[in-house]
Amino acid sequence: MKEKIAATASAITYAVTAGITYAQTPTPAPDIPVKQGGSLGDIVDFIRIVGGWLVFAAGALAVVFLVIGGIQYMASAGNAEKAAAAKKTIIYSLIGVAVIALSYFLVSVVLDLLNA
């Protein structure tokens, strides 16, 4: 008997709340203008945006390796091999930062020449 009452109460609750949840009418999607064609400026802008994100990610990774090298150097505790490995990590990280900066500069110059 309790199961029948519970099933009936569940059915009534579902029937009442289903109308409430579907009460709002959907909002029509706005018309999005479609631009046909393209230009070299669009490609240059795209490359500039993607390149900026890649430079940011590479720079962040270089800073992480710089910090890791510093922690390794401090944790070497006088061990010459560990200190040398940490110095290599720091040097390679700084070389990476220089390469990233140079590549960003070169890409910016080429994109400015293309956009001009």
Protein backbone atom coordinates (compact mmCIF):
# COMPACT_ATOMS: atom_id res chain seq x y z
CA MET A 1 0.00 0.00 0.00
CA LYS A 2 2.83 2.39 0.88
CA GLU A 3 4.48 1.68 -2.47
CA LYS A 4 1.31 2.62 -4.35
CA ILE A 5 1.02 5.88 -2.41
CA ALA A 6 4.69 6.68 -3.04
CA ALA A 7 4.35 5.90 -6.75
CA THR A 8 1.20 8.02 -7.02
CA ALA A 9 2.83 10.91 -5.15
CA SER A 10 5.88 10.69 -7.43
CA ALA A 11 3.72 10.69 -10.55
CA ILE A 12 1.72 13.70 -9.34
CA THR A 13 4.91 15.57 -8.42
CA TYR A 14 6.39 14.84 -11.84
CA ALA A 15 3.23 15.91 -13.62
CA VAL A 16 3.07 19.21 -11.72
CA THR A 17 6.75 20.14 -12.01
CA ALA A 18 7.14 19.19 -15.68
CA GLY A 19 4.93 22.09 -16.70
CA ILE A 20 6.87 24.48 -14.51
CA THR A 21 10.24 23.55 -15.99
CA TYR A 22 9.02 23.98 -19.56
CA ALA A 23 7.18 27.24 -18.83
CA GLN A 24 9.79 29.55 -20.36
CA THR A 25 9.77 29.95 -24.10
CA PRO A 26 13.12 29.62 -25.84
CA THR A 27 14.88 32.80 -26.89
CA PRO A 28 15.65 32.86 -30.61
CA ALA A 29 19.32 33.00 -31.50
CA PRO A 30 20.52 36.35 -32.83
CA ASP A 31 21.52 36.63 -36.47
CA ILE A 32 25.29 36.40 -36.78
CA PRO A 33 26.69 38.25 -39.76
CA VAL A 34 28.84 36.03 -41.96
CA LYS A 35 31.83 37.70 -43.53
CA GLN A 36 32.74 36.22 -46.88
CA GLY A 37 36.30 36.11 -48.09
CA GLY A 38 39.23 37.33 -46.10
CA SER A 39 42.46 39.18 -46.40
CA LEU A 40 46.11 38.87 -45.54
CA GLY A 41 45.46 41.02 -42.48
CA ASP A 42 43.16 38.36 -41.04
CA ILE A 43 45.85 35.71 -41.37
CA VAL A 44 48.47 38.03 -39.88
CA ASP A 45 46.20 38.80 -36.93
CA PHE A 46 45.56 35.09 -36.38
CA ILE A 47 49.29 34.29 -36.47
CA ARG A 48 49.98 37.19 -34.11
CA ILE A 49 47.40 35.95 -31.58
CA VAL A 50 48.47 32.30 -31.73
CA GLY A 51 52.14 33.31 -31.63
CA GLY A 52 51.52 35.46 -28.58
CA TRP A 53 49.95 32.53 -26.75
CA LEU A 54 52.79 30.22 -27.76
CA VAL A 55 55.42 32.72 -26.62
CA PHE A 56 53.59 33.13 -23.32
CA ALA A 57 53.44 29.35 -22.78
CA ALA A 58 57.10 28.88 -23.73
CA GLY A 59 58.15 31.77 -21.48
CA ALA A 60 56.20 30.34 -18.57
CA LEU A 61 57.82 26.96 -19.14
CA ALA A 62 61.27 28.56 -19.24
CA VAL A 63 60.60 30.34 -15.95
CA VAL A 64 59.46 27.05 -14.40
CA PHE A 65 62.72 25.41 -15.48
CA LEU A 66 64.67 28.38 -14.14
CA VAL A 67 63.00 27.94 -10.75
CA ILE A 68 63.58 24.18 -10.84
CA GLY A 69 67.27 24.77 -11.58
CA GLY A 70 67.50 27.22 -8.70
CA ILE A 71 65.88 24.76 -6.31
CA GLN A 72 68.22 22.00 -7.53
CA TYR A 73 71.21 24.29 -7.00
CA MET A 74 70.15 25.14 -3.46
CA ALA A 75 69.42 21.49 -2.70
CA SER A 76 72.77 20.28 -4.06
CA ALA A 77 74.26 20.73 -0.57
CA GLY A 78 77.83 20.98 -1.80
CA ASN A 79 77.60 18.01 -4.17
CA ALA A 80 79.55 19.12 -7.23
CA GLU A 81 77.69 16.87 -9.69
CA LYS A 82 74.26 18.05 -8.57
CA ALA A 83 75.41 21.67 -8.59
CA ALA A 84 76.77 21.28 -12.13
CA ALA A 85 73.50 19.72 -13.31
CA ALA A 86 71.55 22.57 -11.70
CA LYS A 87 73.81 25.15 -13.37
CA LYS A 88 73.18 23.48 -16.74
CA THR A 89 69.43 23.66 -16.12
CA ILE A 90 69.68 27.35 -15.29
CA ILE A 91 71.89 28.13 -18.29
CA TYR A 92 69.67 26.19 -20.70
CA SER A 93 66.62 27.93 -19.28
CA LEU A 94 68.19 31.34 -19.83
CA ILE A 95 69.18 30.32 -23.37
CA GLY A 96 65.56 29.29 -23.89
CA VAL A 97 64.35 32.71 -22.73
CA ALA A 98 66.75 34.37 -25.18
CA VAL A 99 65.60 32.15 -28.05
CA ILE A 100 61.95 32.83 -27.21
CA ALA A 101 62.55 36.59 -27.15
CA LEU A 102 64.47 36.48 -30.43
CA SER A 103 61.82 34.38 -32.14
CA TYR A 104 59.06 36.71 -30.95
CA PHE A 105 61.02 39.68 -32.28
CA LEU A 106 61.61 38.04 -35.67
CA VAL A 107 57.98 36.96 -36.05
CA SER A 108 56.81 40.46 -35.12
CA VAL A 109 59.09 42.03 -37.73
CA VAL A 110 57.94 39.64 -40.46
CA LEU A 111 54.27 40.15 -39.57
CA ASP A 112 54.70 43.93 -39.56
CA LEU A 113 56.30 43.74 -43.01
CA LEU A 114 53.42 41.60 -44.29
CA ASN A 115 50.79 43.86 -42.76
CA ALA A 116 52.33 47.08 -44.12
